[in-house]
Amino acid sequence: MSKTAKTFKELVVWQKAHEFVLAVYHLTAKFPTTEIYCFTTQARRAAISIAANIAEGFKKRGLNDKTRFFNIAQGSLEECRYYLILAQDLGYADTGDLEIFLEEVSRLLSAYSLAVRTNKRGIRNFCLLYSAFCILPDKSPMAGEWPVNKKSSSDNVLVRNKSPITAVKAVCAVVAKRKKASGLQRDR
């Protein structure tokens, strides 16, 4: 069982994001001096924004605040993804390794954000999310891809390229339907 982080520095996602910032600084140091006030600065700011927003979101108390900062971090991450493509296309550097590393940060950030949202909504949603993993095991939900046309005729559920949260809602509906059909639903 993992322990709860007391500071943002203990978060693996922040540690990896920080490593990415350092790598971007090393990469952009090799850019032409004509880019120092434009491309270099923008790439560094976007990279810094990923780690900074993870750190700020960590300390926020409200779920909406937390998820907003994680969303901003994800947006900055996508901005960095473009800058890596641009650097490669301009011939400034080979960014293949950094793109792979950025994908790892993206998956960690998605997983962390999802875990925070799930934890705040209670263990029931965690169990349902776990059910979604079991029902749809052929693609990783962190990759953002779900099986196309996965349909169960008895449950009448269609999951087509949906997000993990949408899939959880679909699973919730199936679980509720099965409970009701089997008489396990309690009156409240």
N, C-alpha and C. Protein backbone atom coordinates (compact mmCIF):
# COMPACT_ATOMS: atom_id res chain seq x y z
N MET A 1 0.84 -1.17 0.00
CA MET A 1 0.00 0.00 0.00
C MET A 1 0.89 1.24 0.00
N SER A 2 0.58 2.20 -0.84
CA SER A 2 1.39 3.41 -0.93
C SER A 2 0.96 4.43 0.11
N LYS A 3 1.91 5.23 0.55
CA LYS A 3 1.59 6.26 1.54
C LYS A 3 1.10 7.52 0.84
N THR A 4 0.37 8.33 1.56
CA THR A 4 -0.14 9.58 1.03
C THR A 4 0.98 10.61 0.99
N ALA A 5 1.08 11.32 -0.11
CA ALA A 5 2.13 12.35 -0.26
C ALA A 5 1.81 13.54 0.65
N LYS A 6 2.83 14.03 1.32
CA LYS A 6 2.67 15.20 2.18
C LYS A 6 3.01 16.50 1.44
N THR A 7 3.89 16.40 0.45
CA THR A 7 4.24 17.55 -0.38
C THR A 7 4.20 17.14 -1.84
N PHE A 8 4.11 18.13 -2.72
CA PHE A 8 4.07 17.83 -4.14
C PHE A 8 5.35 17.15 -4.62
N LYS A 9 6.46 17.38 -3.90
CA LYS A 9 7.74 16.79 -4.28
C LYS A 9 7.73 15.26 -4.21
N GLU A 10 6.82 14.72 -3.42
CA GLU A 10 6.71 13.27 -3.27
C GLU A 10 5.90 12.62 -4.39
N LEU A 11 5.22 13.42 -5.19
CA LEU A 11 4.42 12.88 -6.29
C LEU A 11 5.31 12.46 -7.45
N VAL A 12 5.15 11.24 -7.90
CA VAL A 12 5.94 10.74 -9.03
C VAL A 12 5.65 11.58 -10.26
N VAL A 13 4.40 11.97 -10.45
CA VAL A 13 4.05 12.77 -11.63
C VAL A 13 4.78 14.11 -11.61
N TRP A 14 4.90 14.74 -10.44
CA TRP A 14 5.63 16.00 -10.37
C TRP A 14 7.12 15.77 -10.62
N GLN A 15 7.68 14.71 -10.05
CA GLN A 15 9.10 14.41 -10.24
C GLN A 15 9.42 14.23 -11.72
N LYS A 16 8.58 13.49 -12.43
CA LYS A 16 8.79 13.28 -13.86
C LYS A 16 8.61 14.59 -14.64
N ALA A 17 7.61 15.39 -14.25
CA ALA A 17 7.39 16.68 -14.92
C ALA A 17 8.60 17.59 -14.71
N HIS A 18 9.17 17.57 -13.51
CA HIS A 18 10.35 18.38 -13.21
C HIS A 18 11.55 17.92 -14.05
N GLU A 19 11.71 16.61 -14.17
CA GLU A 19 12.78 16.08 -15.03
C GLU A 19 12.59 16.55 -16.47
N PHE A 20 11.33 16.60 -16.91
CA PHE A 20 11.04 17.07 -18.26
C PHE A 20 11.44 18.54 -18.42
N VAL A 21 11.15 19.36 -17.41
CA VAL A 21 11.54 20.78 -17.45
C VAL A 21 13.05 20.90 -17.62
N LEU A 22 13.79 20.16 -16.83
CA LEU A 22 15.26 20.20 -16.92
C LEU A 22 15.74 19.77 -18.31
N ALA A 23 15.10 18.75 -18.86
CA ALA A 23 15.48 18.28 -20.20
C ALA A 23 15.17 19.33 -21.26
N VAL A 24 14.05 20.04 -21.09
CA VAL A 24 13.70 21.11 -22.05
C VAL A 24 14.72 22.24 -21.96
N TYR A 25 15.16 22.58 -20.77
CA TYR A 25 16.19 23.61 -20.62
C TYR A 25 17.47 23.21 -21.34
N HIS A 26 17.87 21.94 -21.19
CA HIS A 26 19.08 21.47 -21.87
C HIS A 26 18.88 21.48 -23.39
N LEU A 27 17.72 21.08 -23.84
CA LEU A 27 17.43 21.06 -25.27
C LEU A 27 17.43 22.46 -25.86
N THR A 28 16.73 23.38 -25.21
CA THR A 28 16.60 24.74 -25.75
C THR A 28 17.88 25.55 -25.65
N ALA A 29 18.79 25.14 -24.80
CA ALA A 29 20.09 25.83 -24.72
C ALA A 29 20.86 25.70 -26.02
N LYS A 30 20.54 24.69 -26.79
CA LYS A 30 21.22 24.44 -28.07
C LYS A 30 20.53 25.13 -29.26
N PHE A 31 19.39 25.77 -28.99
CA PHE A 31 18.66 26.45 -30.07
C PHE A 31 19.44 27.67 -30.54
N PRO A 32 19.20 28.12 -31.78
CA PRO A 32 19.87 29.33 -32.27
C PRO A 32 19.54 30.54 -31.39
N THR A 33 20.47 31.47 -31.30
CA THR A 33 20.25 32.66 -30.47
C THR A 33 19.11 33.52 -31.00
N THR A 34 18.78 33.38 -32.26
CA THR A 34 17.64 34.15 -32.81
C THR A 34 16.32 33.72 -32.19
N GLU A 35 16.29 32.55 -31.57
CA GLU A 35 15.05 32.03 -30.97
C GLU A 35 14.95 32.33 -29.47
N ILE A 36 15.94 33.01 -28.91
CA ILE A 36 15.98 33.19 -27.46
C ILE A 36 14.77 33.93 -26.90
N TYR A 37 14.21 34.88 -27.62
CA TYR A 37 13.08 35.65 -27.10
C TYR A 37 11.74 35.15 -27.62
N CYS A 38 11.76 34.08 -28.35
CA CYS A 38 10.51 33.58 -28.91
C CYS A 38 10.33 32.10 -28.56
N PHE A 39 10.81 31.25 -29.43
CA PHE A 39 10.59 29.82 -29.30
C PHE A 39 11.19 29.25 -28.02
N THR A 40 12.41 29.61 -27.71
CA THR A 40 13.08 29.09 -26.51
C THR A 40 12.29 29.44 -25.26
N THR A 41 11.90 30.69 -25.14
CA THR A 41 11.16 31.15 -23.97
C THR A 41 9.80 30.46 -23.86
N GLN A 42 9.09 30.35 -24.98
CA GLN A 42 7.76 29.72 -24.95
C GLN A 42 7.86 28.25 -24.56
N ALA A 43 8.83 27.54 -25.11
CA ALA A 43 8.99 26.12 -24.79
C ALA A 43 9.31 25.94 -23.31
N ARG A 44 10.17 26.78 -22.78
CA ARG A 44 10.52 26.68 -21.36
C ARG A 44 9.34 27.02 -20.47
N ARG A 45 8.61 28.07 -20.80
CA ARG A 45 7.44 28.45 -19.99
C ARG A 45 6.38 27.37 -19.97
N ALA A 46 6.14 26.75 -21.12
CA ALA A 46 5.13 25.69 -21.18
C ALA A 46 5.56 24.49 -20.34
N ALA A 47 6.85 24.13 -20.41
CA ALA A 47 7.36 23.01 -19.62
C ALA A 47 7.26 23.31 -18.12
N ILE A 48 7.65 24.51 -17.74
CA ILE A 48 7.56 24.91 -16.33
C ILE A 48 6.12 24.85 -15.85
N SER A 49 5.20 25.26 -16.71
CA SER A 49 3.78 25.30 -16.35
C SER A 49 3.23 23.92 -15.98
N ILE A 50 3.76 22.88 -16.60
CA ILE A 50 3.28 21.52 -16.26
C ILE A 50 3.57 21.23 -14.79
N ALA A 51 4.83 21.31 -14.41
CA ALA A 51 5.22 21.00 -13.03
C ALA A 51 4.63 21.99 -12.03
N ALA A 52 4.59 23.27 -12.40
CA ALA A 52 4.07 24.29 -11.48
C ALA A 52 2.58 24.09 -11.20
N ASN A 53 1.81 23.73 -12.21
CA ASN A 53 0.38 23.53 -12.00
C ASN A 53 0.08 22.24 -11.25
N ILE A 54 0.92 21.23 -11.41
CA ILE A 54 0.77 20.02 -10.59
C ILE A 54 1.02 20.38 -9.13
N ALA A 55 2.07 21.15 -8.87
CA ALA A 55 2.40 21.56 -7.50
C ALA A 55 1.28 22.40 -6.90
N GLU A 56 0.78 23.37 -7.66
CA GLU A 56 -0.27 24.23 -7.14
C GLU A 56 -1.57 23.46 -6.92
N GLY A 57 -1.90 22.59 -7.86
CA GLY A 57 -3.11 21.78 -7.72
C GLY A 57 -3.05 20.84 -6.54
N PHE A 58 -1.86 20.37 -6.21
CA PHE A 58 -1.69 19.46 -5.08
C PHE A 58 -2.18 20.09 -3.79
N LYS A 59 -1.92 21.37 -3.60
CA LYS A 59 -2.24 22.02 -2.33
C LYS A 59 -3.67 22.57 -2.28
N LYS A 60 -4.34 22.64 -3.41
CA LYS A 60 -5.72 23.13 -3.40
C LYS A 60 -6.62 22.15 -2.66
N ARG A 61 -7.60 22.69 -1.95
CA ARG A 61 -8.47 21.85 -1.14
C ARG A 61 -9.68 21.34 -1.90
N GLY A 62 -10.28 22.19 -2.71
CA GLY A 62 -11.49 21.80 -3.41
C GLY A 62 -11.20 20.95 -4.63
N LEU A 63 -12.07 20.00 -4.89
CA LEU A 63 -11.91 19.11 -6.04
C LEU A 63 -11.89 19.89 -7.35
N ASN A 64 -12.78 20.88 -7.48
CA ASN A 64 -12.82 21.66 -8.71
C ASN A 64 -11.52 22.43 -8.94
N ASP A 65 -10.97 23.00 -7.87
CA ASP A 65 -9.68 23.70 -7.99
C ASP A 65 -8.58 22.75 -8.40
N LYS A 66 -8.52 21.60 -7.73
CA LYS A 66 -7.49 20.61 -8.05
C LYS A 66 -7.55 20.21 -9.52
N THR A 67 -8.73 19.82 -9.97
CA THR A 67 -8.86 19.33 -11.34
C THR A 67 -8.61 20.44 -12.36
N ARG A 68 -8.93 21.68 -12.00
CA ARG A 68 -8.67 22.80 -12.91
C ARG A 68 -7.15 22.95 -13.13
N PHE A 69 -6.37 22.87 -12.06
CA PHE A 69 -4.92 22.99 -12.20
C PHE A 69 -4.32 21.80 -12.94
N PHE A 70 -4.85 20.61 -12.72
CA PHE A 70 -4.35 19.45 -13.46
C PHE A 70 -4.71 19.57 -14.94
N ASN A 71 -5.86 20.15 -15.21
CA ASN A 71 -6.28 20.38 -16.60
C ASN A 71 -5.36 21.40 -17.27
N ILE A 72 -5.01 22.45 -16.56
CA ILE A 72 -4.08 23.45 -17.10
C ILE A 72 -2.72 22.80 -17.38
N ALA A 73 -2.28 21.94 -16.45
CA ALA A 73 -1.01 21.23 -16.65
C ALA A 73 -1.07 20.36 -17.90
N GLN A 74 -2.22 19.70 -18.11
CA GLN A 74 -2.37 18.86 -19.30
C GLN A 74 -2.34 19.72 -20.57
N GLY A 75 -2.95 20.90 -20.51
CA GLY A 75 -2.90 21.81 -21.65
C GLY A 75 -1.48 22.26 -21.96
N SER A 76 -0.72 22.59 -20.93
CA SER A 76 0.68 22.97 -21.12
C SER A 76 1.50 21.81 -21.67
N LEU A 77 1.15 20.61 -21.24
CA LEU A 77 1.83 19.42 -21.74
C LEU A 77 1.60 19.28 -23.24
N GLU A 78 0.38 19.50 -23.69
CA GLU A 78 0.09 19.41 -25.12
C GLU A 78 0.80 20.52 -25.90
N GLU A 79 0.92 21.68 -25.28
CA GLU A 79 1.68 22.77 -25.90
C GLU A 79 3.14 22.34 -26.09
N CYS A 80 3.70 21.71 -25.08
CA CYS A 80 5.08 21.21 -25.17
C CYS A 80 5.21 20.14 -26.26
N ARG A 81 4.18 19.33 -26.38
CA ARG A 81 4.21 18.30 -27.42
C ARG A 81 4.36 18.95 -28.79
N TYR A 82 3.64 20.05 -29.01
CA TYR A 82 3.77 20.77 -30.28
C TYR A 82 5.17 21.37 -30.44
N TYR A 83 5.70 21.96 -29.37
CA TYR A 83 7.03 22.57 -29.46
C TYR A 83 8.10 21.54 -29.80
N LEU A 84 7.94 20.32 -29.30
CA LEU A 84 8.89 19.26 -29.64
C LEU A 84 8.80 18.91 -31.13
N ILE A 85 7.59 18.87 -31.64
CA ILE A 85 7.39 18.61 -33.08
C ILE A 85 8.02 19.73 -33.90
N LEU A 86 7.79 20.97 -33.47
CA LEU A 86 8.33 22.13 -34.18
C LEU A 86 9.86 22.13 -34.17
N ALA A 87 10.46 21.84 -33.02
CA ALA A 87 11.92 21.80 -32.92
C ALA A 87 12.49 20.74 -33.85
N GLN A 88 11.83 19.61 -33.91
CA GLN A 88 12.26 18.54 -34.82
C GLN A 88 12.15 19.00 -36.28
N ASP A 89 11.00 19.59 -36.64
CA ASP A 89 10.76 20.02 -38.02
C ASP A 89 11.70 21.16 -38.45
N LEU A 90 12.08 22.02 -37.52
CA LEU A 90 12.99 23.11 -37.83
C LEU A 90 14.45 22.64 -37.88
N GLY A 91 14.67 21.41 -37.46
CA GLY A 91 16.02 20.86 -37.48
C GLY A 91 16.88 21.32 -36.31
N TYR A 92 16.25 21.81 -35.25
CA TYR A 92 17.01 22.28 -34.09
C TYR A 92 17.53 21.13 -33.23
N ALA A 93 16.78 20.03 -33.18
CA ALA A 93 17.18 18.91 -32.33
C ALA A 93 16.36 17.68 -32.67
N ASP A 94 16.90 16.53 -32.29
CA ASP A 94 16.14 15.29 -32.38
C ASP A 94 15.36 15.16 -31.07
N THR A 95 14.05 15.20 -31.16
CA THR A 95 13.21 15.25 -29.95
C THR A 95 12.47 13.94 -29.69
N GLY A 96 12.83 12.88 -30.39
CA GLY A 96 12.13 11.60 -30.23
C GLY A 96 12.10 11.09 -28.80
N ASP A 97 13.24 11.13 -28.12
CA ASP A 97 13.29 10.65 -26.74
C ASP A 97 12.46 11.51 -25.81
N LEU A 98 12.49 12.82 -26.02
CA LEU A 98 11.69 13.71 -25.18
C LEU A 98 10.20 13.53 -25.42
N GLU A 99 9.82 13.23 -26.65
CA GLU A 99 8.40 12.98 -26.93
C GLU A 99 7.92 11.74 -26.19
N ILE A 100 8.75 10.70 -26.14
CA ILE A 100 8.40 9.49 -25.39
C ILE A 100 8.31 9.80 -23.90
N PHE A 101 9.26 10.59 -23.40
CA PHE A 101 9.25 10.96 -21.98
C PHE A 101 8.01 11.81 -21.66
N LEU A 102 7.65 12.72 -22.56
CA LEU A 102 6.47 13.56 -22.36
C LEU A 102 5.21 12.71 -22.33
N GLU A 103 5.16 11.68 -23.14
CA GLU A 103 4.00 10.77 -23.13
C GLU A 103 3.87 10.09 -21.77
N GLU A 104 5.01 9.72 -21.17
CA GLU A 104 4.98 9.12 -19.84
C GLU A 104 4.42 10.11 -18.81
N VAL A 105 4.86 11.36 -18.90
CA VAL A 105 4.34 12.39 -17.99
C VAL A 105 2.83 12.56 -18.21
N SER A 106 2.41 12.54 -19.46
CA SER A 106 0.99 12.69 -19.78
C SER A 106 0.15 11.58 -19.17
N ARG A 107 0.62 10.37 -19.28
CA ARG A 107 -0.11 9.23 -18.71
C ARG A 107 -0.15 9.30 -17.19
N LEU A 108 0.95 9.68 -16.58
CA LEU A 108 0.98 9.82 -15.13
C LEU A 108 0.03 10.92 -14.67
N LEU A 109 0.03 12.03 -15.39
CA LEU A 109 -0.85 13.15 -15.03
C LEU A 109 -2.31 12.75 -15.18
N SER A 110 -2.64 12.06 -16.25
CA SER A 110 -4.02 11.60 -16.45
C SER A 110 -4.43 10.65 -15.34
N ALA A 111 -3.55 9.73 -14.99
CA ALA A 111 -3.84 8.76 -13.93
C ALA A 111 -3.99 9.45 -12.58
N TYR A 112 -3.11 10.39 -12.29
CA TYR A 112 -3.17 11.10 -11.00
C TYR A 112 -4.45 11.93 -10.90
N SER A 113 -4.77 12.64 -11.96
CA SER A 113 -5.98 13.46 -11.96
C SER A 113 -7.22 12.59 -11.78
N LEU A 114 -7.26 11.47 -12.47
CA LEU A 114 -8.38 10.55 -12.35
C LEU A 114 -8.46 9.97 -10.94
N ALA A 115 -7.33 9.63 -10.37
CA ALA A 115 -7.31 9.08 -9.00
C ALA A 115 -7.81 10.10 -7.99
N VAL A 116 -7.42 11.36 -8.16
CA VAL A 116 -7.88 12.41 -7.25
C VAL A 116 -9.40 12.58 -7.36
N ARG A 117 -9.89 12.65 -8.58
CA ARG A 117 -11.34 12.79 -8.78
C ARG A 117 -12.09 11.59 -8.23
N THR A 118 -11.58 10.41 -8.46
CA THR A 118 -12.23 9.18 -8.00
C THR A 118 -12.21 9.10 -6.48
N ASN A 119 -11.08 9.42 -5.88
CA ASN A 119 -10.95 9.36 -4.43
C ASN A 119 -11.90 10.33 -3.75
N LYS A 120 -12.05 11.51 -4.30
CA LYS A 120 -12.91 12.51 -3.69
C LYS A 120 -14.38 12.13 -3.79
N ARG A 121 -14.72 11.33 -4.77
CA ARG A 121 -16.12 10.93 -4.94
C ARG A 121 -16.44 9.64 -4.20
N GLY A 122 -15.44 9.05 -3.58
CA GLY A 122 -15.69 7.90 -2.74
C GLY A 122 -15.26 6.57 -3.33
N ILE A 123 -15.29 5.58 -2.48
CA ILE A 123 -14.84 4.25 -2.85
C ILE A 123 -15.76 3.61 -3.87
N ARG A 124 -17.04 3.98 -3.87
CA ARG A 124 -17.99 3.40 -4.82
C ARG A 124 -17.53 3.65 -6.26
N ASN A 125 -17.14 4.87 -6.56
CA ASN A 125 -16.68 5.16 -7.91
C ASN A 125 -15.37 4.47 -8.23
N PHE A 126 -14.52 4.29 -7.23
CA PHE A 126 -13.28 3.57 -7.47
C PHE A 126 -13.59 2.14 -7.88
N CYS A 127 -14.53 1.51 -7.18
CA CYS A 127 -14.91 0.14 -7.53
C CYS A 127 -15.50 0.07 -8.93
N LEU A 128 -16.29 1.07 -9.28
CA LEU A 128 -16.86 1.10 -10.62
C LEU A 128 -15.79 1.32 -11.67
N LEU A 129 -14.82 2.17 -11.36
CA LEU A 129 -13.72 2.39 -12.29
C LEU A 129 -12.93 1.10 -12.47
N TYR A 130 -12.71 0.40 -11.36
CA TYR A 130 -12.03 -0.88 -11.44
C TYR A 130 -12.82 -1.85 -12.32
N SER A 131 -14.14 -1.82 -12.18
CA SER A 131 -14.98 -2.66 -13.03
C SER A 131 -14.81 -2.30 -14.49
N ALA A 132 -14.66 -1.02 -14.78
CA ALA A 132 -14.47 -0.59 -16.17
C ALA A 132 -13.17 -1.16 -16.73
N PHE A 133 -12.13 -1.22 -15.91
CA PHE A 133 -10.87 -1.80 -16.35
C PHE A 133 -11.08 -3.28 -16.66
N CYS A 134 -11.86 -3.96 -15.83
CA CYS A 134 -12.07 -5.40 -16.02
C CYS A 134 -12.96 -5.67 -17.24
N ILE A 135 -13.95 -4.82 -17.46
CA ILE A 135 -14.86 -5.01 -18.58
C ILE A 135 -14.19 -4.69 -19.90
N LEU A 136 -13.30 -3.70 -19.91
CA LEU A 136 -12.65 -3.25 -21.14
C LEU A 136 -11.14 -3.39 -21.05
N PRO A 137 -10.63 -4.63 -20.94
CA PRO A 137 -9.21 -4.79 -20.68
C PRO A 137 -8.30 -4.66 -21.89
N ASP A 138 -8.85 -4.64 -23.11
CA ASP A 138 -7.98 -4.71 -24.27
C ASP A 138 -7.30 -3.40 -24.63
N LYS A 139 -7.67 -2.28 -24.03
CA LYS A 139 -6.98 -1.01 -24.25
C LYS A 139 -6.81 -0.32 -22.91
N SER A 140 -5.73 0.38 -22.77
CA SER A 140 -5.48 1.11 -21.54
C SER A 140 -6.30 2.39 -21.52
N PRO A 141 -7.09 2.64 -20.48
CA PRO A 141 -7.85 3.88 -20.41
C PRO A 141 -6.96 5.10 -20.30
N MET A 142 -5.74 4.91 -19.81
CA MET A 142 -4.86 6.06 -19.71
C MET A 142 -4.37 6.49 -21.08
N ALA A 143 -4.43 5.62 -22.05
CA ALA A 143 -4.02 5.98 -23.40
C ALA A 143 -5.13 6.74 -24.12
N GLY A 144 -6.31 6.81 -23.50
CA GLY A 144 -7.42 7.55 -24.09
C GLY A 144 -8.12 6.78 -25.20
N GLU A 145 -7.84 5.50 -25.32
CA GLU A 145 -8.47 4.71 -26.37
C GLU A 145 -9.31 3.62 -25.73
N TRP A 146 -10.51 3.46 -26.22
CA TRP A 146 -11.40 2.43 -25.73
C TRP A 146 -11.83 1.59 -26.92
N PRO A 147 -12.22 0.38 -26.68
CA PRO A 147 -12.63 -0.48 -27.79
C PRO A 147 -13.79 0.15 -28.56
N VAL A 148 -13.71 0.07 -29.85
CA VAL A 148 -14.78 0.61 -30.70
C VAL A 148 -15.88 -0.43 -30.81
N ASN A 149 -17.12 0.05 -30.68
CA ASN A 149 -18.30 -0.81 -30.83
C ASN A 149 -18.32 -1.99 -29.85
N LYS A 150 -17.90 -1.75 -28.65
CA LYS A 150 -18.00 -2.77 -27.60
C LYS A 150 -19.42 -2.71 -27.10
N LYS A 151 -20.25 -3.67 -27.47
CA LYS A 151 -21.66 -3.61 -27.14
C LYS A 151 -22.11 -4.92 -26.53
N SER A 152 -22.87 -4.82 -25.47
CA SER A 152 -23.46 -5.98 -24.84
C SER A 152 -24.96 -5.89 -25.07
N SER A 153 -25.54 -6.86 -25.73
CA SER A 153 -26.96 -6.78 -26.06
C SER A 153 -27.83 -6.84 -24.81
N SER A 154 -27.40 -7.59 -23.78
CA SER A 154 -28.22 -7.71 -22.59
C SER A 154 -28.22 -6.41 -21.78
N ASP A 155 -27.13 -5.67 -21.81
CA ASP A 155 -27.05 -4.43 -21.03
C ASP A 155 -27.31 -3.20 -21.88
N ASN A 156 -27.26 -3.35 -23.18
CA ASN A 156 -27.53 -2.26 -24.11
C ASN A 156 -26.62 -1.06 -23.83
N VAL A 157 -25.34 -1.32 -23.65
CA VAL A 157 -24.36 -0.26 -23.40
C VAL A 157 -23.39 -0.20 -24.57
N LEU A 158 -23.17 1.01 -25.06
CA LEU A 158 -22.22 1.20 -26.15
C LEU A 158 -21.11 2.10 -25.65
N VAL A 159 -19.88 1.59 -25.68
CA VAL A 159 -18.71 2.39 -25.30
C VAL A 159 -17.89 2.55 -26.56
N ARG A 160 -17.86 3.77 -27.11
CA ARG A 160 -17.17 4.01 -28.36
C ARG A 160 -16.23 5.20 -28.20
N ASN A 161 -14.94 4.91 -28.08
CA ASN A 161 -13.93 5.94 -27.92
C ASN A 161 -14.31 6.95 -26.83
N LYS A 162 -14.74 6.45 -25.72
CA LYS A 162 -15.18 7.32 -24.61
C LYS A 162 -14.04 7.53 -23.63
N SER A 163 -14.16 8.57 -22.84
CA SER A 163 -13.19 8.83 -21.79
C SER A 163 -13.43 7.87 -20.63
N PRO A 164 -12.47 7.73 -19.73
CA PRO A 164 -12.66 6.85 -18.58
C PRO A 164 -13.87 7.22 -17.74
N ILE A 165 -14.13 8.51 -17.56
CA ILE A 165 -15.28 8.93 -16.76
C ILE A 165 -16.58 8.52 -17.44
N THR A 166 -16.68 8.69 -18.75
CA THR A 166 -17.87 8.29 -19.49
C THR A 166 -18.06 6.79 -19.39
N ALA A 167 -16.97 6.05 -19.48
CA ALA A 167 -17.05 4.59 -19.35
C ALA A 167 -17.52 4.20 -17.96
N VAL A 168 -17.04 4.91 -16.93
CA VAL A 168 -17.47 4.62 -15.56
C VAL A 168 -18.97 4.86 -15.43
N LYS A 169 -19.45 5.95 -16.02
CA LYS A 169 -20.90 6.22 -15.96
C LYS A 169 -21.69 5.11 -16.65
N ALA A 170 -21.17 4.61 -17.78
CA ALA A 170 -21.84 3.51 -18.48
C ALA A 170 -21.84 2.26 -17.61
N VAL A 171 -20.71 2.00 -16.93
CA VAL A 171 -20.64 0.84 -16.04
C VAL A 171 -21.58 1.01 -14.87
N CYS A 172 -21.69 2.24 -14.34
CA CYS A 172 -22.62 2.51 -13.23
C CYS A 172 -24.04 2.13 -13.63
N ALA A 173 -24.42 2.50 -14.84
CA ALA A 173 -25.76 2.20 -15.32
C ALA A 173 -25.96 0.69 -15.41
N VAL A 174 -24.97 -0.03 -15.89
CA VAL A 174 -25.07 -1.49 -16.00
C VAL A 174 -25.17 -2.13 -14.63
N VAL A 175 -24.30 -1.68 -13.70
CA VAL A 175 -24.31 -2.24 -12.34
C VAL A 175 -25.66 -1.99 -11.67
N ALA A 176 -26.18 -0.78 -11.80
CA ALA A 176 -27.48 -0.46 -11.21
C ALA A 176 -28.58 -1.32 -11.82
N LYS A 177 -28.52 -1.50 -13.13
CA LYS A 177 -29.53 -2.31 -13.81
C LYS A 177 -29.47 -3.76 -13.34
N ARG A 178 -28.25 -4.29 -13.20
CA ARG A 178 -28.10 -5.68 -12.75
C ARG A 178 -28.56 -5.85 -11.30
N LYS A 179 -28.25 -4.86 -10.46
CA LYS A 179 -28.70 -4.93 -9.06
C LYS A 179 -30.21 -4.92 -8.98
N LYS A 180 -30.82 -4.04 -9.76
CA LYS A 180 -32.27 -3.91 -9.75
C LYS A 180 -32.92 -5.20 -10.25
N ALA A 181 -32.35 -5.77 -11.29
CA ALA A 181 -32.90 -7.00 -11.86
C ALA A 181 -32.77 -8.17 -10.89
N SER A 182 -31.71 -8.18 -10.10
CA SER A 182 -31.52 -9.29 -9.18
C SER A 182 -32.13 -9.03 -7.80
N GLY A 183 -32.71 -7.85 -7.62
CA GLY A 183 -33.36 -7.54 -6.35
C GLY A 183 -32.40 -7.13 -5.27
N LEU A 184 -31.16 -6.76 -5.62
CA LEU A 184 -30.17 -6.38 -4.61
C LEU A 184 -30.22 -4.92 -4.24
N GLN A 185 -30.97 -4.12 -4.98
CA GLN A 185 -31.02 -2.68 -4.72
C GLN A 185 -31.80 -2.42 -3.44
N ARG A 186 -31.23 -1.61 -2.57
CA ARG A 186 -31.91 -1.27 -1.33
C ARG A 186 -32.73 -0.01 -1.52
N ASP A 187 -33.83 0.06 -0.78
CA ASP A 187 -34.61 1.30 -0.76
C ASP A 187 -33.95 2.26 0.19
N ARG A 188 -33.92 3.54 -0.20
CA ARG A 188 -33.25 4.54 0.65
C ARG A 188 -34.26 5.42 1.29
